[in-house]
Amino acid sequence: MLRRAAQEIGYGRKVPPGHGIGLASHFTHGGYAAHAFEVAVSQAGELEVVRCVCAADVGEIVNPLGVEAQMMGATIDGFLDRPES
């Protein structure tokens, strides 16, 4: 899954100044998921997500829309799950 996410985001390509690409993967509850993000940092230090790719192998899918919603929700939760300052 990580290779697929990396391929889809274009990992290894030259990115503009101030941009970067990050990869992450996880195995839980019998399924694999990977994310790839292209991010940019503004002059003010603000982080902007330029593009996000998610790849998952969760076995047999009964409800494709449910899997899509789950992956979207997990992606958003990942942004919100950070330590308090």
PDB file of N, CA and C in Angstrom:
ATOM      1  N   MET A   1       0.811  -1.183   0.000  1.00  0.00           N
ATOM      2  CA  MET A   1       0.000   0.000   0.000  1.00  0.00           C
ATOM      3  C   MET A   1       0.865   1.262   0.000  1.00  0.00           C
ATOM      4  N   LEU A   2       1.945   1.221   0.748  1.00  0.00           N
ATOM      5  CA  LEU A   2       2.820   2.397   0.798  1.00  0.00           C
ATOM      6  C   LEU A   2       3.414   2.693  -0.576  1.00  0.00           C
ATOM      7  N   ARG A   3       3.814   1.653  -1.283  1.00  0.00           N
ATOM      8  CA  ARG A   3       4.358   1.864  -2.636  1.00  0.00           C
ATOM      9  C   ARG A   3       3.310   2.468  -3.563  1.00  0.00           C
ATOM     10  N   ARG A   4       2.073   2.008  -3.435  1.00  0.00           N
ATOM     11  CA  ARG A   4       0.998   2.534  -4.296  1.00  0.00           C
ATOM     12  C   ARG A   4       0.737   4.007  -3.996  1.00  0.00           C
ATOM     13  N   ALA A   5       0.659   4.354  -2.714  1.00  0.00           N
ATOM     14  CA  ALA A   5       0.439   5.757  -2.342  1.00  0.00           C
ATOM     15  C   ALA A   5       1.592   6.630  -2.831  1.00  0.00           C
ATOM     16  N   ALA A   6       2.823   6.131  -2.670  1.00  0.00           N
ATOM     17  CA  ALA A   6       3.995   6.880  -3.120  1.00  0.00           C
ATOM     18  C   ALA A   6       3.971   7.085  -4.634  1.00  0.00           C
ATOM     19  N   GLN A   7       3.597   6.051  -5.354  1.00  0.00           N
ATOM     20  CA  GLN A   7       3.514   6.139  -6.811  1.00  0.00           C
ATOM     21  C   GLN A   7       2.472   7.175  -7.228  1.00  0.00           C
ATOM     22  N   GLU A   8       1.316   7.144  -6.588  1.00  0.00           N
ATOM     23  CA  GLU A   8       0.220   8.046  -6.970  1.00  0.00           C
ATOM     24  C   GLU A   8       0.525   9.517  -6.661  1.00  0.00           C
ATOM     25  N   ILE A   9       1.306   9.777  -5.605  1.00  0.00           N
ATOM     26  CA  ILE A   9       1.631  11.166  -5.257  1.00  0.00           C
ATOM     27  C   ILE A   9       2.837  11.667  -6.067  1.00  0.00           C
ATOM     28  N   GLY A  10       3.557  10.729  -6.683  1.00  0.00           N
ATOM     29  CA  GLY A  10       4.741  11.108  -7.454  1.00  0.00           C
ATOM     30  C   GLY A  10       5.976  11.244  -6.584  1.00  0.00           C
ATOM     31  N   TYR A  11       6.089  10.377  -5.589  1.00  0.00           N
ATOM     32  CA  TYR A  11       7.230  10.415  -4.676  1.00  0.00           C
ATOM     33  C   TYR A  11       8.526  10.286  -5.460  1.00  0.00           C
ATOM     34  N   GLY A  12       9.497  11.135  -5.142  1.00  0.00           N
ATOM     35  CA  GLY A  12      10.784  11.123  -5.833  1.00  0.00           C
ATOM     36  C   GLY A  12      10.906  12.200  -6.897  1.00  0.00           C
ATOM     37  N   ARG A  13       9.773  12.792  -7.270  1.00  0.00           N
ATOM     38  CA  ARG A  13       9.844  13.863  -8.273  1.00  0.00           C
ATOM     39  C   ARG A  13      10.337  15.152  -7.613  1.00  0.00           C
ATOM     40  N   LYS A  14      10.822  16.055  -8.420  1.00  0.00           N
ATOM     41  CA  LYS A  14      11.266  17.350  -7.919  1.00  0.00           C
ATOM     42  C   LYS A  14      10.032  18.178  -7.567  1.00  0.00           C
ATOM     43  N   VAL A  15      10.016  18.755  -6.373  1.00  0.00           N
ATOM     44  CA  VAL A  15       8.893  19.584  -5.938  1.00  0.00           C
ATOM     45  C   VAL A  15       9.362  21.033  -5.827  1.00  0.00           C
ATOM     46  N   PRO A  16       8.434  21.981  -5.924  1.00  0.00           N
ATOM     47  CA  PRO A  16       8.808  23.392  -5.837  1.00  0.00           C
ATOM     48  C   PRO A  16       9.408  23.730  -4.465  1.00  0.00           C
ATOM     49  N   PRO A  17      10.173  24.820  -4.372  1.00  0.00           N
ATOM     50  CA  PRO A  17      10.702  25.252  -3.078  1.00  0.00           C
ATOM     51  C   PRO A  17       9.561  25.459  -2.073  1.00  0.00           C
ATOM     52  N   GLY A  18       9.786  25.038  -0.846  1.00  0.00           N
ATOM     53  CA  GLY A  18       8.761  25.172   0.183  1.00  0.00           C
ATOM     54  C   GLY A  18       7.763  24.036   0.208  1.00  0.00           C
ATOM     55  N   HIS A  19       7.888  23.081  -0.699  1.00  0.00           N
ATOM     56  CA  HIS A  19       7.004  21.923  -0.761  1.00  0.00           C
ATOM     57  C   HIS A  19       7.753  20.684  -0.291  1.00  0.00           C
ATOM     58  N   GLY A  20       7.007  19.699   0.169  1.00  0.00           N
ATOM     59  CA  GLY A  20       7.587  18.426   0.553  1.00  0.00           C
ATOM     60  C   GLY A  20       6.553  17.327   0.413  1.00  0.00           C
ATOM     61  N   ILE A  21       7.023  16.088   0.398  1.00  0.00           N
ATOM     62  CA  ILE A  21       6.134  14.934   0.305  1.00  0.00           C
ATOM     63  C   ILE A  21       6.420  14.025   1.489  1.00  0.00           C
ATOM     64  N   GLY A  22       5.362  13.594   2.154  1.00  0.00           N
ATOM     65  CA  GLY A  22       5.495  12.699   3.293  1.00  0.00           C
ATOM     66  C   GLY A  22       4.657  11.447   3.098  1.00  0.00           C
ATOM     67  N   LEU A  23       5.139  10.343   3.664  1.00  0.00           N
ATOM     68  CA  LEU A  23       4.469   9.055   3.543  1.00  0.00           C
ATOM     69  C   LEU A  23       4.242   8.445   4.917  1.00  0.00           C
ATOM     70  N   ALA A  24       3.141   7.712   5.059  1.00  0.00           N
ATOM     71  CA  ALA A  24       2.854   7.010   6.308  1.00  0.00           C
ATOM     72  C   ALA A  24       2.035   5.775   5.986  1.00  0.00           C
ATOM     73  N   SER A  25       2.206   4.733   6.805  1.00  0.00           N
ATOM     74  CA  SER A  25       1.400   3.529   6.623  1.00  0.00           C
ATOM     75  C   SER A  25       1.067   2.930   7.982  1.00  0.00           C
ATOM     76  N   HIS A  26       0.037   2.069   7.984  1.00  0.00           N
ATOM     77  CA  HIS A  26      -0.430   1.487   9.236  1.00  0.00           C
ATOM     78  C   HIS A  26      -1.171   0.183   8.952  1.00  0.00           C
ATOM     79  N   PHE A  27      -1.064  -0.759   9.877  1.00  0.00           N
ATOM     80  CA  PHE A  27      -1.816  -2.011   9.816  1.00  0.00           C
ATOM     81  C   PHE A  27      -2.669  -2.087  11.076  1.00  0.00           C
ATOM     82  N   THR A  28      -3.949  -2.270  10.903  1.00  0.00           N
ATOM     83  CA  THR A  28      -4.833  -2.399  12.059  1.00  0.00           C
ATOM     84  C   THR A  28      -6.089  -3.161  11.673  1.00  0.00           C
ATOM     85  N   HIS A  29      -6.616  -3.918  12.583  1.00  0.00           N
ATOM     86  CA  HIS A  29      -7.860  -4.662  12.386  1.00  0.00           C
ATOM     87  C   HIS A  29      -7.862  -5.474  11.092  1.00  0.00           C
ATOM     88  N   GLY A  30      -6.701  -6.007  10.717  1.00  0.00           N
ATOM     89  CA  GLY A  30      -6.611  -6.853   9.536  1.00  0.00           C
ATOM     90  C   GLY A  30      -6.535  -6.111   8.219  1.00  0.00           C
ATOM     91  N   GLY A  31      -6.376  -4.797   8.250  1.00  0.00           N
ATOM     92  CA  GLY A  31      -6.302  -4.021   7.017  1.00  0.00           C
ATOM     93  C   GLY A  31      -5.073  -3.133   6.985  1.00  0.00           C
ATOM     94  N   TYR A  32      -4.639  -2.826   5.788  1.00  0.00           N
ATOM     95  CA  TYR A  32      -3.482  -1.965   5.577  1.00  0.00           C
ATOM     96  C   TYR A  32      -3.956  -0.638   4.982  1.00  0.00           C
ATOM     97  N   ALA A  33      -3.334   0.429   5.430  1.00  0.00           N
ATOM     98  CA  ALA A  33      -3.639   1.743   4.851  1.00  0.00           C
ATOM     99  C   ALA A  33      -2.347   2.540   4.743  1.00  0.00           C
ATOM    100  N   ALA A  34      -2.266   3.366   3.723  1.00  0.00           N
ATOM    101  CA  ALA A  34      -1.112   4.240   3.531  1.00  0.00           C
ATOM    102  C   ALA A  34      -1.590   5.587   3.020  1.00  0.00           C
ATOM    103  N   HIS A  35      -0.878   6.616   3.421  1.00  0.00           N
ATOM    104  CA  HIS A  35      -1.179   7.965   2.965  1.00  0.00           C
ATOM    105  C   HIS A  35       0.093   8.591   2.409  1.00  0.00           C
ATOM    106  N   ALA A  36      -0.094   9.452   1.433  1.00  0.00           N
ATOM    107  CA  ALA A  36       0.982  10.285   0.906  1.00  0.00           C
ATOM    108  C   ALA A  36       0.434  11.702   0.823  1.00  0.00           C
ATOM    109  N   PHE A  37       1.204  12.639   1.309  1.00  0.00           N
ATOM    110  CA  PHE A  37       0.796  14.041   1.316  1.00  0.00           C
ATOM    111  C   PHE A  37       1.848  14.895   0.637  1.00  0.00           C
ATOM    112  N   GLU A  38       1.383  15.823  -0.174  1.00  0.00           N
ATOM    113  CA  GLU A  38       2.250  16.908  -0.630  1.00  0.00           C
ATOM    114  C   GLU A  38       1.825  18.131   0.150  1.00  0.00           C
ATOM    115  N   VAL A  39       2.792  18.761   0.803  1.00  0.00           N
ATOM    116  CA  VAL A  39       2.494  19.928   1.634  1.00  0.00           C
ATOM    117  C   VAL A  39       3.371  21.093   1.200  1.00  0.00           C
ATOM    118  N   ALA A  40       2.909  22.287   1.541  1.00  0.00           N
ATOM    119  CA  ALA A  40       3.666  23.505   1.264  1.00  0.00           C
ATOM    120  C   ALA A  40       3.682  24.354   2.524  1.00  0.00           C
ATOM    121  N   VAL A  41       4.787  25.047   2.732  1.00  0.00           N
ATOM    122  CA  VAL A  41       4.909  25.961   3.867  1.00  0.00           C
ATOM    123  C   VAL A  41       4.971  27.372   3.310  1.00  0.00           C
ATOM    124  N   SER A  42       4.081  28.241   3.807  1.00  0.00           N
ATOM    125  CA  SER A  42       4.043  29.628   3.350  1.00  0.00           C
ATOM    126  C   SER A  42       5.170  30.423   4.014  1.00  0.00           C
ATOM    127  N   GLN A  43       5.367  31.638   3.563  1.00  0.00           N
ATOM    128  CA  GLN A  43       6.364  32.532   4.161  1.00  0.00           C
ATOM    129  C   GLN A  43       6.076  32.771   5.640  1.00  0.00           C
ATOM    130  N   ALA A  44       4.790  32.734   6.005  1.00  0.00           N
ATOM    131  CA  ALA A  44       4.387  32.955   7.398  1.00  0.00           C
ATOM    132  C   ALA A  44       4.506  31.679   8.238  1.00  0.00           C
ATOM    133  N   GLY A  45       4.926  30.573   7.610  1.00  0.00           N
ATOM    134  CA  GLY A  45       5.080  29.324   8.336  1.00  0.00           C
ATOM    135  C   GLY A  45       3.819  28.488   8.428  1.00  0.00           C
ATOM    136  N   GLU A  46       2.785  28.877   7.693  1.00  0.00           N
ATOM    137  CA  GLU A  46       1.534  28.116   7.679  1.00  0.00           C
ATOM    138  C   GLU A  46       1.678  26.896   6.783  1.00  0.00           C
ATOM    139  N   LEU A  47       1.127  25.786   7.223  1.00  0.00           N
ATOM    140  CA  LEU A  47       1.183  24.544   6.463  1.00  0.00           C
ATOM    141  C   LEU A  47      -0.082  24.384   5.634  1.00  0.00           C
ATOM    142  N   GLU A  48       0.084  24.062   4.358  1.00  0.00           N
ATOM    143  CA  GLU A  48      -1.046  23.828   3.463  1.00  0.00           C
ATOM    144  C   GLU A  48      -0.897  22.442   2.847  1.00  0.00           C
ATOM    145  N   VAL A  49      -1.959  21.651   2.896  1.00  0.00           N
ATOM    146  CA  VAL A  49      -1.956  20.365   2.229  1.00  0.00           C
ATOM    147  C   VAL A  49      -2.328  20.616   0.771  1.00  0.00           C
ATOM    148  N   VAL A  50      -1.406  20.333  -0.114  1.00  0.00           N
ATOM    149  CA  VAL A  50      -1.614  20.543  -1.543  1.00  0.00           C
ATOM    150  C   VAL A  50      -2.378  19.369  -2.133  1.00  0.00           C
ATOM    151  N   ARG A  51      -2.007  18.163  -1.694  1.00  0.00           N
ATOM    152  CA  ARG A  51      -2.630  16.959  -2.237  1.00  0.00           C
ATOM    153  C   ARG A  51      -2.458  15.816  -1.250  1.00  0.00           C
ATOM    154  N   CYS A  52      -3.464  14.953  -1.194  1.00  0.00           N
ATOM    155  CA  CYS A  52      -3.419  13.784  -0.321  1.00  0.00           C
ATOM    156  C   CYS A  52      -3.881  12.570  -1.118  1.00  0.00           C
ATOM    157  N   VAL A  53      -3.158  11.465  -0.951  1.00  0.00           N
ATOM    158  CA  VAL A  53      -3.523  10.199  -1.585  1.00  0.00           C
ATOM    159  C   VAL A  53      -3.610   9.151  -0.491  1.00  0.00           C
ATOM    160  N   CYS A  54      -4.661   8.349  -0.523  1.00  0.00           N
ATOM    161  CA  CYS A  54      -4.835   7.258   0.431  1.00  0.00           C
ATOM    162  C   CYS A  54      -4.998   5.964  -0.344  1.00  0.00           C
ATOM    163  N   ALA A  55      -4.273   4.931   0.087  1.00  0.00           N
ATOM    164  CA  ALA A  55      -4.407   3.598  -0.498  1.00  0.00           C
ATOM    165  C   ALA A  55      -4.709   2.632   0.636  1.00  0.00           C
ATOM    166  N   ALA A  56      -5.629   1.707   0.408  1.00  0.00           N
ATOM    167  CA  ALA A  56      -6.006   0.778   1.473  1.00  0.00           C
ATOM    168  C   ALA A  56      -6.292  -0.608   0.914  1.00  0.00           C
ATOM    169  N   ASP A  57      -5.970  -1.607   1.723  1.00  0.00           N
ATOM    170  CA  ASP A  57      -6.333  -2.993   1.438  1.00  0.00           C
ATOM    171  C   ASP A  57      -7.035  -3.510   2.683  1.00  0.00           C
ATOM    172  N   VAL A  58      -8.339  -3.570   2.607  1.00  0.00           N
ATOM    173  CA  VAL A  58      -9.138  -3.970   3.770  1.00  0.00           C
ATOM    174  C   VAL A  58      -9.838  -5.306   3.550  1.00  0.00           C
ATOM    175  N   GLY A  59      -9.431  -6.025   2.527  1.00  0.00           N
ATOM    176  CA  GLY A  59     -10.061  -7.308   2.240  1.00  0.00           C
ATOM    177  C   GLY A  59     -11.299  -7.117   1.365  1.00  0.00           C
ATOM    178  N   GLU A  60     -12.222  -8.061   1.471  1.00  0.00           N
ATOM    179  CA  GLU A  60     -13.435  -8.007   0.664  1.00  0.00           C
ATOM    180  C   GLU A  60     -14.294  -6.812   1.076  1.00  0.00           C
ATOM    181  N   ILE A  61     -14.702  -6.040   0.103  1.00  0.00           N
ATOM    182  CA  ILE A  61     -15.487  -4.829   0.364  1.00  0.00           C
ATOM    183  C   ILE A  61     -16.948  -5.102   0.032  1.00  0.00           C
ATOM    184  N   VAL A  62     -17.808  -4.889   1.004  1.00  0.00           N
ATOM    185  CA  VAL A  62     -19.245  -5.059   0.812  1.00  0.00           C
ATOM    186  C   VAL A  62     -19.886  -3.723   0.458  1.00  0.00           C
ATOM    187  N   ASN A  63     -19.408  -2.660   1.089  1.00  0.00           N
ATOM    188  CA  ASN A  63     -19.977  -1.330   0.879  1.00  0.00           C
ATOM    189  C   ASN A  63     -18.857  -0.359   0.500  1.00  0.00           C
ATOM    190  N   PRO A  64     -18.607  -0.153  -0.805  1.00  0.00           N
ATOM    191  CA  PRO A  64     -17.515   0.728  -1.232  1.00  0.00           C
ATOM    192  C   PRO A  64     -17.633   2.152  -0.699  1.00  0.00           C
ATOM    193  N   LEU A  65     -18.836   2.681  -0.617  1.00  0.00           N
ATOM    194  CA  LEU A  65     -18.998   4.043  -0.092  1.00  0.00           C
ATOM    195  C   LEU A  65     -18.635   4.111   1.385  1.00  0.00           C
ATOM    196  N   GLY A  66     -18.899   3.031   2.114  1.00  0.00           N
ATOM    197  CA  GLY A  66     -18.521   2.978   3.518  1.00  0.00           C
ATOM    198  C   GLY A  66     -17.015   2.994   3.703  1.00  0.00           C
ATOM    199  N   VAL A  67     -16.300   2.268   2.858  1.00  0.00           N
ATOM    200  CA  VAL A  67     -14.834   2.256   2.924  1.00  0.00           C
ATOM    201  C   VAL A  67     -14.295   3.639   2.579  1.00  0.00           C
ATOM    202  N   GLU A  68     -14.856   4.264   1.548  1.00  0.00           N
ATOM    203  CA  GLU A  68     -14.420   5.602   1.162  1.00  0.00           C
ATOM    204  C   GLU A  68     -14.634   6.589   2.306  1.00  0.00           C
ATOM    205  N   ALA A  69     -15.788   6.519   2.943  1.00  0.00           N
ATOM    206  CA  ALA A  69     -16.079   7.417   4.069  1.00  0.00           C
ATOM    207  C   ALA A  69     -15.131   7.155   5.236  1.00  0.00           C
ATOM    208  N   GLN A  70     -14.845   5.883   5.495  1.00  0.00           N
ATOM    209  CA  GLN A  70     -13.935   5.528   6.587  1.00  0.00           C
ATOM    210  C   GLN A  70     -12.538   6.080   6.335  1.00  0.00           C
ATOM    211  N   MET A  71     -12.049   5.973   5.109  1.00  0.00           N
ATOM    212  CA  MET A  71     -10.713   6.474   4.781  1.00  0.00           C
ATOM    213  C   MET A  71     -10.666   7.997   4.862  1.00  0.00           C
ATOM    214  N   MET A  72     -11.723   8.653   4.410  1.00  0.00           N
ATOM    215  CA  MET A  72     -11.764  10.114   4.519  1.00  0.00           C
ATOM    216  C   MET A  72     -11.763  10.546   5.989  1.00  0.00           C
ATOM    217  N   GLY A  73     -12.583   9.884   6.783  1.00  0.00           N
ATOM    218  CA  GLY A  73     -12.642  10.209   8.205  1.00  0.00           C
ATOM    219  C   GLY A  73     -11.324   9.963   8.904  1.00  0.00           C
ATOM    220  N   ALA A  74     -10.661   8.851   8.580  1.00  0.00           N
ATOM    221  CA  ALA A  74      -9.370   8.535   9.191  1.00  0.00           C
ATOM    222  C   ALA A  74      -8.316   9.562   8.800  1.00  0.00           C
ATOM    223  N   THR A  75      -8.362  10.024   7.563  1.00  0.00           N
ATOM    224  CA  THR A  75      -7.418  11.044   7.104  1.00  0.00           C
ATOM    225  C   THR A  75      -7.608  12.333   7.893  1.00  0.00           C
ATOM    226  N   ILE A  76      -8.838  12.754   8.033  1.00  0.00           N
ATOM    227  CA  ILE A  76      -9.128  13.984   8.785  1.00  0.00           C
ATOM    228  C   ILE A  76      -8.749  13.826  10.248  1.00  0.00           C
ATOM    229  N   ASP A  77      -9.046  12.672  10.845  1.00  0.00           N
ATOM    230  CA  ASP A  77      -8.659  12.421  12.244  1.00  0.00           C
ATOM    231  C   ASP A  77      -7.151  12.532  12.413  1.00  0.00           C
ATOM    232  N   GLY A  78      -6.391  12.091  11.434  1.00  0.00           N
ATOM    233  CA  GLY A  78      -4.939  12.188  11.498  1.00  0.00           C
ATOM    234  C   GLY A  78      -4.452  13.609  11.601  1.00  0.00           C
ATOM    235  N   PHE A  79      -5.138  14.526  10.958  1.00  0.00           N
ATOM    236  CA  PHE A  79      -4.779  15.944  11.058  1.00  0.00           C
ATOM    237  C   PHE A  79      -5.084  16.498  12.442  1.00  0.00           C
ATOM    238  N   LEU A  80      -6.161  16.017  13.039  1.00  0.00           N
ATOM    239  CA  LEU A  80      -6.614  16.574  14.297  1.00  0.00           C
ATOM    240  C   LEU A  80      -5.937  15.952  15.508  1.00  0.00           C
ATOM    241  N   ASP A  81      -5.294  14.808  15.329  1.00  0.00           N
ATOM    242  CA  ASP A  81      -4.674  14.083  16.431  1.00  0.00           C
ATOM    243  C   ASP A  81      -3.256  14.565  16.647  1.00  0.00           C
ATOM    244  N   ARG A  82      -3.127  15.687  17.350  1.00  0.00           N
ATOM    245  CA  ARG A  82      -1.797  16.205  17.649  1.00  0.00           C
ATOM    246  C   ARG A  82      -1.736  16.637  19.110  1.00  0.00           C
ATOM    247  N   PRO A  83      -0.551  16.636  19.669  1.00  0.00           N
ATOM    248  CA  PRO A  83      -0.419  17.001  21.084  1.00  0.00           C
ATOM    249  C   PRO A  83      -0.826  18.453  21.325  1.00  0.00           C
ATOM    250  N   GLU A  84      -1.308  18.691  22.521  1.00  0.00           N
ATOM    251  CA  GLU A  84      -1.633  20.076  22.913  1.00  0.00           C
ATOM    252  C   GLU A  84      -0.361  20.890  23.041  1.00  0.00           C
ATOM    253  N   SER A  85      -0.411  22.161  22.660  1.00  0.00           N
ATOM    254  CA  SER A  85       0.760  23.044  22.773  1.00  0.00           C
ATOM    255  C   SER A  85       0.846  23.630  24.156  1.00  0.00           C
TER     256      SER A  85
END
